Amino acid sequence: MFIRTLLLLFNTGFHIIIFNPSIKAQTIDFCGEPMPIEAEYMNKFMDISERYLHTREIELLKSRAILYFPVIEAILKKYNIPNDFKYLPLVESGLRNVTSPKQARGVWQIMPNTALELGLTINKQKDERTQLLSSTRAAAELIKRMQQKLGSWSLTAAAYNAGIGTIKQALAEQGKSRYYELKLNSETSTYLYKIITVKLLFESGILNGSGIDNPLNNRDRNLVDPINRWNRDEGSLNCF
C-alpha cells in the first residue's frame, strides 16, 4: 500500500504541499515505531502536516538546525536516545530561546520545577535552560527516565509534551497501548504528527538547493566533536 508523502516546494514565499506516492506507508515512523497506515490516521496526519507547515519559517529552522543539530545528536547518542528526538525541539520552540506562558523556557521548553529536578541552575544571574549543552543533557535525562517507565518512544515524546502523569492516566483510563489510539488534549494529540512531519521534511532532501545546505547531508565533516566546540565557554553560547 502506498500513501502520499509530504514534500515541500518553495514558490515566492508560499508553501505548496505536494505528495509523492513512491514511499511506502511502512517507512513513516518515529524511532522505529511505525505510524498506523489506516485511513483514519493517514487523513489526520495529512491534515495536521499541511496546516503545520504553512505556519513554519522553514529557512530559519534550517539555519538553526545546521548550528544545533550536531550538538543535540551527539548528546542524544551518549544517552542512547534515538536520533529522531532531535526534531522534538524544532516543534517545541523552533530551536529558539523562547519562554511559554507557562514559563517553560529554552529550545527544549523545560519547566522551572522540572529543570531544578534535573539539576539545572535557575536564578537571577543564570538560567541553564537557555544554554544548549546543559538543557540538552537535561532533556536527554528526562527522555531516558520517561522511556524507562513507558517502554515506548512515541509515548515518551507525548509525555515530554503533556507530562508523564497525563499519559499514564490516559493509558490506564482508556485501555490503550499506543499514542495514536489515545484521546489527548489538542496540542498533544497532534504533537507526534508534527514531529514526523518535520522529520520527513528534513530527511526528504527537498531542503537542498533552497539557499541553505541541508544539515543532514552537507554538514561540516571536520566537526569531529561538536560538544567540545561549545564547551569552550558555554556561558556565552546561549541559543539565539
C-alpha atoms as a PDB file:
ATOM      1  CA  MET A   1       0.000   0.000   0.000  1.00  0.00           C
ATOM      2  CA  PHE A   2       1.288   3.456  -0.897  1.00  0.00           C
ATOM      3  CA  ILE A   3       0.454   6.783   0.677  1.00  0.00           C
ATOM      4  CA  ARG A   4       1.129  10.384  -0.159  1.00  0.00           C
ATOM      5  CA  THR A   5       4.344  11.516   1.497  1.00  0.00           C
ATOM      6  CA  LEU A   6       4.886  15.186   2.175  1.00  0.00           C
ATOM      7  CA  LEU A   7       7.355  17.151   0.147  1.00  0.00           C
ATOM      8  CA  LEU A   8       7.753  20.869   0.324  1.00  0.00           C
ATOM      9  CA  LEU A   9       8.347  23.239  -2.563  1.00  0.00           C
ATOM     10  CA  PHE A  10       9.032  26.929  -2.317  1.00  0.00           C
ATOM     11  CA  ASN A  11       7.194  29.389  -4.513  1.00  0.00           C
ATOM     12  CA  THR A  12       7.508  33.154  -3.874  1.00  0.00           C
ATOM     13  CA  GLY A  13       7.429  32.659  -0.123  1.00  0.00           C
ATOM     14  CA  PHE A  14       4.367  30.429  -0.027  1.00  0.00           C
ATOM     15  CA  HIS A  15       4.488  26.787   0.960  1.00  0.00           C
ATOM     16  CA  ILE A  16       2.958  24.468  -1.612  1.00  0.00           C
ATOM     17  CA  ILE A  17       2.280  20.943  -0.427  1.00  0.00           C
ATOM     18  CA  ILE A  18       2.648  18.171  -2.973  1.00  0.00           C
ATOM     19  CA  PHE A  19       2.639  14.445  -2.483  1.00  0.00           C
ATOM     20  CA  ASN A  20       4.979  11.705  -3.555  1.00  0.00           C
ATOM     21  CA  PRO A  21       3.376   8.256  -3.940  1.00  0.00           C
ATOM     22  CA  SER A  22       6.718   6.461  -4.139  1.00  0.00           C
ATOM     23  CA  ILE A  23       7.295   5.909  -0.418  1.00  0.00           C
ATOM     24  CA  LYS A  24       5.534   3.099   1.387  1.00  0.00           C
ATOM     25  CA  ALA A  25       3.492   3.895   4.463  1.00  0.00           C
ATOM     26  CA  GLN A  26       5.537   1.422   6.486  1.00  0.00           C
ATOM     27  CA  THR A  27       8.547   3.734   6.170  1.00  0.00           C
ATOM     28  CA  ILE A  28       6.845   6.515   8.149  1.00  0.00           C
ATOM     29  CA  ASP A  29       7.840   6.042  11.758  1.00  0.00           C
ATOM     30  CA  PHE A  30       9.159   7.685  14.874  1.00  0.00           C
ATOM     31  CA  CYS A  31      12.199   5.984  16.409  1.00  0.00           C
ATOM     32  CA  GLY A  32      11.362   2.819  14.500  1.00  0.00           C
ATOM     33  CA  GLU A  33       7.792   2.740  15.801  1.00  0.00           C
ATOM     34  CA  PRO A  34       5.532   2.885  12.720  1.00  0.00           C
ATOM     35  CA  MET A  35       2.645   5.244  12.311  1.00  0.00           C
ATOM     36  CA  PRO A  36      -0.598   3.350  11.613  1.00  0.00           C
ATOM     37  CA  ILE A  37      -1.494   3.111   7.937  1.00  0.00           C
ATOM     38  CA  GLU A  38      -5.285   3.028   8.321  1.00  0.00           C
ATOM     39  CA  ALA A  39      -7.119   5.856   6.563  1.00  0.00           C
ATOM     40  CA  GLU A  40      -8.215   7.427   9.859  1.00  0.00           C
ATOM     41  CA  TYR A  41      -4.615   8.081  10.908  1.00  0.00           C
ATOM     42  CA  MET A  42      -3.312   8.923   7.450  1.00  0.00           C
ATOM     43  CA  ASN A  43      -6.005  11.546   6.899  1.00  0.00           C
ATOM     44  CA  LYS A  44      -5.276  13.068  10.299  1.00  0.00           C
ATOM     45  CA  PHE A  45      -1.557  13.130   9.503  1.00  0.00           C
ATOM     46  CA  MET A  46      -2.085  14.850   6.155  1.00  0.00           C
ATOM     47  CA  ASP A  47      -4.400  17.460   7.638  1.00  0.00           C
ATOM     48  CA  ILE A  48      -2.071  18.273  10.559  1.00  0.00           C
ATOM     49  CA  SER A  49       1.014  18.299   8.338  1.00  0.00           C
ATOM     50  CA  GLU A  50      -0.413  20.718   5.808  1.00  0.00           C
ATOM     51  CA  ARG A  51      -1.678  23.142   8.448  1.00  0.00           C
ATOM     52  CA  TYR A  52       1.564  22.926  10.435  1.00  0.00           C
ATOM     53  CA  LEU A  53       3.923  23.512   7.505  1.00  0.00           C
ATOM     54  CA  HIS A  54       2.023  26.615   6.493  1.00  0.00           C
ATOM     55  CA  THR A  55       2.951  28.178   9.850  1.00  0.00           C
ATOM     56  CA  ARG A  56       6.684  27.362   9.864  1.00  0.00           C
ATOM     57  CA  GLU A  57       9.580  29.605   8.878  1.00  0.00           C
ATOM     58  CA  ILE A  58      11.427  26.845   7.054  1.00  0.00           C
ATOM     59  CA  GLU A  59      14.563  28.829   6.203  1.00  0.00           C
ATOM     60  CA  LEU A  60      15.113  29.818   9.831  1.00  0.00           C
ATOM     61  CA  LEU A  61      14.534  26.256  11.014  1.00  0.00           C
ATOM     62  CA  LYS A  62      17.200  25.075   8.593  1.00  0.00           C
ATOM     63  CA  SER A  63      19.760  27.656   9.680  1.00  0.00           C
ATOM     64  CA  ARG A  64      19.267  26.815  13.348  1.00  0.00           C
ATOM     65  CA  ALA A  65      19.387  23.088  12.637  1.00  0.00           C
ATOM     66  CA  ILE A  66      22.782  23.480  10.950  1.00  0.00           C
ATOM     67  CA  LEU A  67      24.122  25.071  14.125  1.00  0.00           C
ATOM     68  CA  TYR A  68      22.406  22.986  16.793  1.00  0.00           C
ATOM     69  CA  PHE A  69      21.822  19.505  15.359  1.00  0.00           C
ATOM     70  CA  PRO A  70      25.443  18.277  15.652  1.00  0.00           C
ATOM     71  CA  VAL A  71      25.440  19.066  19.384  1.00  0.00           C
ATOM     72  CA  ILE A  72      21.967  17.641  20.010  1.00  0.00           C
ATOM     73  CA  GLU A  73      22.745  14.469  18.058  1.00  0.00           C
ATOM     74  CA  ALA A  74      25.982  13.881  19.984  1.00  0.00           C
ATOM     75  CA  ILE A  75      24.250  14.202  23.359  1.00  0.00           C
ATOM     76  CA  LEU A  76      21.314  12.004  22.364  1.00  0.00           C
ATOM     77  CA  LYS A  77      23.806   9.354  21.269  1.00  0.00           C
ATOM     78  CA  LYS A  78      25.562   9.472  24.650  1.00  0.00           C
ATOM     79  CA  TYR A  79      22.223   8.787  26.335  1.00  0.00           C
ATOM     80  CA  ASN A  80      21.282   6.034  23.854  1.00  0.00           C
ATOM     81  CA  ILE A  81      18.271   8.009  22.677  1.00  0.00           C
ATOM     82  CA  PRO A  82      17.159   7.640  19.034  1.00  0.00           C
ATOM     83  CA  ASN A  83      18.202  10.409  16.688  1.00  0.00           C
ATOM     84  CA  ASP A  84      14.579  11.228  15.847  1.00  0.00           C
ATOM     85  CA  PHE A  85      14.319  13.127  19.132  1.00  0.00           C
ATOM     86  CA  LYS A  86      16.413  15.935  17.647  1.00  0.00           C
ATOM     87  CA  TYR A  87      13.240  17.022  15.850  1.00  0.00           C
ATOM     88  CA  LEU A  88      11.401  17.498  19.138  1.00  0.00           C
ATOM     89  CA  PRO A  89      12.854  20.971  19.912  1.00  0.00           C
ATOM     90  CA  LEU A  90      12.008  22.062  16.367  1.00  0.00           C
ATOM     91  CA  VAL A  91       8.357  21.525  17.239  1.00  0.00           C
ATOM     92  CA  GLU A  92       8.675  22.720  20.842  1.00  0.00           C
ATOM     93  CA  SER A  93      10.365  26.028  20.144  1.00  0.00           C
ATOM     94  CA  GLY A  94      11.545  26.270  16.544  1.00  0.00           C
ATOM     95  CA  LEU A  95      15.022  25.899  18.095  1.00  0.00           C
ATOM     96  CA  ARG A  96      14.648  29.329  19.689  1.00  0.00           C
ATOM     97  CA  ASN A  97      15.153  30.549  23.227  1.00  0.00           C
ATOM     98  CA  VAL A  98      11.529  31.352  23.921  1.00  0.00           C
ATOM     99  CA  THR A  99       9.520  31.396  27.127  1.00  0.00           C
ATOM    100  CA  SER A 100       5.997  29.999  27.098  1.00  0.00           C
ATOM    101  CA  PRO A 101       3.042  31.457  29.021  1.00  0.00           C
ATOM    102  CA  LYS A 102       3.537  28.570  31.486  1.00  0.00           C
ATOM    103  CA  GLN A 103       7.203  29.595  31.939  1.00  0.00           C
ATOM    104  CA  ALA A 104       8.719  26.693  30.022  1.00  0.00           C
ATOM    105  CA  ARG A 105      11.944  28.050  28.537  1.00  0.00           C
ATOM    106  CA  GLY A 106      14.704  27.353  26.048  1.00  0.00           C
ATOM    107  CA  VAL A 107      14.841  25.266  22.895  1.00  0.00           C
ATOM    108  CA  TRP A 108      13.652  22.234  24.879  1.00  0.00           C
ATOM    109  CA  GLN A 109      10.909  24.203  26.678  1.00  0.00           C
ATOM    110  CA  ILE A 110      11.743  22.878  30.139  1.00  0.00           C
ATOM    111  CA  MET A 111       9.508  23.905  33.034  1.00  0.00           C
ATOM    112  CA  PRO A 112      11.180  25.559  36.072  1.00  0.00           C
ATOM    113  CA  ASN A 113      10.446  22.776  38.576  1.00  0.00           C
ATOM    114  CA  THR A 114      11.483  20.090  36.093  1.00  0.00           C
ATOM    115  CA  ALA A 115      14.708  21.978  35.400  1.00  0.00           C
ATOM    116  CA  LEU A 116      15.577  22.108  39.089  1.00  0.00           C
ATOM    117  CA  GLU A 117      14.795  18.403  39.495  1.00  0.00           C
ATOM    118  CA  LEU A 118      17.197  17.698  36.635  1.00  0.00           C
ATOM    119  CA  GLY A 119      19.952  19.726  38.259  1.00  0.00           C
ATOM    120  CA  LEU A 120      19.808  22.857  36.138  1.00  0.00           C
ATOM    121  CA  THR A 121      20.582  26.235  37.688  1.00  0.00           C
ATOM    122  CA  ILE A 122      17.882  28.896  37.592  1.00  0.00           C
ATOM    123  CA  ASN A 123      18.457  32.214  39.317  1.00  0.00           C
ATOM    124  CA  LYS A 124      18.608  35.929  38.543  1.00  0.00           C
ATOM    125  CA  GLN A 125      22.076  35.625  37.041  1.00  0.00           C
ATOM    126  CA  LYS A 126      21.788  32.338  35.167  1.00  0.00           C
ATOM    127  CA  ASP A 127      19.190  30.102  33.595  1.00  0.00           C
ATOM    128  CA  GLU A 128      20.741  26.941  32.185  1.00  0.00           C
ATOM    129  CA  ARG A 129      17.593  26.190  30.212  1.00  0.00           C
ATOM    130  CA  THR A 130      18.862  28.771  27.722  1.00  0.00           C
ATOM    131  CA  GLN A 131      22.224  27.005  27.285  1.00  0.00           C
ATOM    132  CA  LEU A 132      22.326  24.350  24.607  1.00  0.00           C
ATOM    133  CA  LEU A 133      24.611  21.807  26.282  1.00  0.00           C
ATOM    134  CA  SER A 134      23.056  21.977  29.737  1.00  0.00           C
ATOM    135  CA  SER A 135      19.464  21.987  28.514  1.00  0.00           C
ATOM    136  CA  THR A 136      20.014  19.178  26.008  1.00  0.00           C
ATOM    137  CA  ARG A 137      21.648  16.984  28.643  1.00  0.00           C
ATOM    138  CA  ALA A 138      18.738  17.666  30.986  1.00  0.00           C
ATOM    139  CA  ALA A 139      16.184  16.933  28.260  1.00  0.00           C
ATOM    140  CA  ALA A 140      18.012  13.694  27.386  1.00  0.00           C
ATOM    141  CA  GLU A 141      17.960  12.612  31.020  1.00  0.00           C
ATOM    142  CA  LEU A 142      14.239  13.345  31.243  1.00  0.00           C
ATOM    143  CA  ILE A 143      13.518  11.487  27.999  1.00  0.00           C
ATOM    144  CA  LYS A 144      15.520   8.488  29.188  1.00  0.00           C
ATOM    145  CA  ARG A 145      13.676   8.345  32.522  1.00  0.00           C
ATOM    146  CA  MET A 146      10.257   8.546  30.880  1.00  0.00           C
ATOM    147  CA  GLN A 147      11.055   5.911  28.269  1.00  0.00           C
ATOM    148  CA  GLN A 148      12.132   3.501  31.005  1.00  0.00           C
ATOM    149  CA  LYS A 149       8.704   3.929  32.598  1.00  0.00           C
ATOM    150  CA  LEU A 150       6.597   3.911  29.423  1.00  0.00           C
ATOM    151  CA  GLY A 151       8.541   1.499  27.206  1.00  0.00           C
ATOM    152  CA  SER A 152       7.632   3.347  24.018  1.00  0.00           C
ATOM    153  CA  TRP A 153       9.468   6.191  22.317  1.00  0.00           C
ATOM    154  CA  SER A 154       6.244   7.539  20.826  1.00  0.00           C
ATOM    155  CA  LEU A 155       4.560   7.645  24.233  1.00  0.00           C
ATOM    156  CA  THR A 156       7.725   9.215  25.648  1.00  0.00           C
ATOM    157  CA  ALA A 157       7.547  12.053  23.133  1.00  0.00           C
ATOM    158  CA  ALA A 158       3.903  12.606  24.071  1.00  0.00           C
ATOM    159  CA  ALA A 159       4.839  12.556  27.757  1.00  0.00           C
ATOM    160  CA  TYR A 160       7.504  15.182  27.133  1.00  0.00           C
ATOM    161  CA  ASN A 161       4.745  17.443  25.887  1.00  0.00           C
ATOM    162  CA  ALA A 162       1.907  16.609  28.270  1.00  0.00           C
ATOM    163  CA  GLY A 163       3.699  15.163  31.292  1.00  0.00           C
ATOM    164  CA  ILE A 164       4.200  11.519  32.117  1.00  0.00           C
ATOM    165  CA  GLY A 165       1.330  11.552  34.626  1.00  0.00           C
ATOM    166  CA  THR A 166      -1.125  12.643  31.941  1.00  0.00           C
ATOM    167  CA  ILE A 167      -0.013   9.913  29.553  1.00  0.00           C
ATOM    168  CA  LYS A 168      -0.035   7.164  32.185  1.00  0.00           C
ATOM    169  CA  GLN A 169      -3.518   8.202  33.276  1.00  0.00           C
ATOM    170  CA  ALA A 170      -4.780   8.222  29.679  1.00  0.00           C
ATOM    171  CA  LEU A 171      -3.324   4.747  29.059  1.00  0.00           C
ATOM    172  CA  ALA A 172      -4.967   3.374  32.191  1.00  0.00           C
ATOM    173  CA  GLU A 173      -8.355   5.025  31.758  1.00  0.00           C
ATOM    174  CA  GLN A 174      -8.693   4.402  28.019  1.00  0.00           C
ATOM    175  CA  GLY A 175      -7.254   0.892  27.965  1.00  0.00           C
ATOM    176  CA  LYS A 176      -4.990   1.677  25.018  1.00  0.00           C
ATOM    177  CA  SER A 177      -1.297   0.983  24.475  1.00  0.00           C
ATOM    178  CA  ARG A 178      -0.295   3.260  21.573  1.00  0.00           C
ATOM    179  CA  TYR A 179      -0.026   7.019  21.278  1.00  0.00           C
ATOM    180  CA  TYR A 180      -2.103   7.117  18.117  1.00  0.00           C
ATOM    181  CA  GLU A 181      -5.084   5.471  19.832  1.00  0.00           C
ATOM    182  CA  LEU A 182      -5.218   7.824  22.804  1.00  0.00           C
ATOM    183  CA  LYS A 183      -7.649  10.703  23.176  1.00  0.00           C
ATOM    184  CA  LEU A 184      -5.483  13.561  24.432  1.00  0.00           C
ATOM    185  CA  ASN A 185      -5.614  17.345  24.571  1.00  0.00           C
ATOM    186  CA  SER A 186      -5.459  19.147  21.235  1.00  0.00           C
ATOM    187  CA  GLU A 187      -1.754  20.013  21.499  1.00  0.00           C
ATOM    188  CA  THR A 188      -0.522  16.565  22.491  1.00  0.00           C
ATOM    189  CA  SER A 189      -2.824  14.728  20.086  1.00  0.00           C
ATOM    190  CA  THR A 190      -1.124  16.500  17.163  1.00  0.00           C
ATOM    191  CA  TYR A 191       2.370  16.609  18.667  1.00  0.00           C
ATOM    192  CA  LEU A 192       3.896  13.434  17.259  1.00  0.00           C
ATOM    193  CA  TYR A 193       2.347  14.032  13.850  1.00  0.00           C
ATOM    194  CA  LYS A 194       4.136  17.399  13.747  1.00  0.00           C
ATOM    195  CA  ILE A 195       7.455  15.811  14.737  1.00  0.00           C
ATOM    196  CA  ILE A 196       7.089  13.214  11.988  1.00  0.00           C
ATOM    197  CA  THR A 197       6.219  15.974   9.509  1.00  0.00           C
ATOM    198  CA  VAL A 198       9.427  17.825  10.355  1.00  0.00           C
ATOM    199  CA  LYS A 199      11.398  14.581  10.181  1.00  0.00           C
ATOM    200  CA  LEU A 200      10.078  13.828   6.683  1.00  0.00           C
ATOM    201  CA  LEU A 201      10.779  17.370   5.589  1.00  0.00           C
ATOM    202  CA  PHE A 202      14.418  17.259   6.697  1.00  0.00           C
ATOM    203  CA  GLU A 203      15.077  13.717   5.514  1.00  0.00           C
ATOM    204  CA  SER A 204      13.390  14.048   2.116  1.00  0.00           C
ATOM    205  CA  GLY A 205      16.231  16.073   0.604  1.00  0.00           C
ATOM    206  CA  ILE A 206      13.732  18.680  -0.584  1.00  0.00           C
ATOM    207  CA  LEU A 207      15.564  21.308   1.505  1.00  0.00           C
ATOM    208  CA  ASN A 208      18.628  21.092  -0.730  1.00  0.00           C
ATOM    209  CA  GLY A 209      19.019  23.975  -3.122  1.00  0.00           C
ATOM    210  CA  SER A 210      16.750  26.410  -1.289  1.00  0.00           C
ATOM    211  CA  GLY A 211      19.512  28.687  -0.100  1.00  0.00           C
ATOM    212  CA  ILE A 212      20.958  26.820   2.873  1.00  0.00           C
ATOM    213  CA  ASP A 213      22.645  23.447   2.807  1.00  0.00           C
ATOM    214  CA  ASN A 214      20.645  20.550   4.183  1.00  0.00           C
ATOM    215  CA  PRO A 215      22.200  19.988   7.634  1.00  0.00           C
ATOM    216  CA  LEU A 216      21.609  16.250   7.355  1.00  0.00           C
ATOM    217  CA  ASN A 217      23.557  15.805   4.151  1.00  0.00           C
ATOM    218  CA  ASN A 218      26.162  18.578   3.965  1.00  0.00           C
ATOM    219  CA  ARG A 219      27.306  19.366   7.479  1.00  0.00           C
ATOM    220  CA  ASP A 220      30.897  20.248   8.365  1.00  0.00           C
ATOM    221  CA  ARG A 221      32.757  16.958   8.041  1.00  0.00           C
ATOM    222  CA  ASN A 222      35.657  18.346  10.093  1.00  0.00           C
ATOM    223  CA  LEU A 223      33.487  18.801  13.172  1.00  0.00           C
ATOM    224  CA  VAL A 224      34.824  15.740  14.996  1.00  0.00           C
ATOM    225  CA  ASP A 225      33.462  16.583  18.440  1.00  0.00           C
ATOM    226  CA  PRO A 226      30.713  19.214  18.347  1.00  0.00           C
ATOM    227  CA  ILE A 227      30.330  19.186  22.134  1.00  0.00           C
ATOM    228  CA  ASN A 228      33.908  20.378  22.663  1.00  0.00           C
ATOM    229  CA  ARG A 229      33.218  23.219  20.257  1.00  0.00           C
ATOM    230  CA  TRP A 230      30.505  24.522  22.580  1.00  0.00           C
ATOM    231  CA  ASN A 231      32.293  23.613  25.831  1.00  0.00           C
ATOM    232  CA  ARG A 232      34.881  26.383  25.423  1.00  0.00           C
ATOM    233  CA  ASP A 233      32.567  28.889  27.066  1.00  0.00           C
ATOM    234  CA  GLU A 234      29.077  27.601  27.471  1.00  0.00           C
ATOM    235  CA  GLY A 235      28.046  30.666  29.438  1.00  0.00           C
ATOM    236  CA  SER A 236      28.396  32.826  26.359  1.00  0.00           C
ATOM    237  CA  LEU A 237      26.922  30.293  23.962  1.00  0.00           C
ATOM    238  CA  ASN A 238      23.268  30.656  24.744  1.00  0.00           C
ATOM    239  CA  CYS A 239      20.892  29.700  21.971  1.00  0.00           C
ATOM    240  CA  PHE A 240      19.693  32.644  19.919  1.00  0.00           C
END
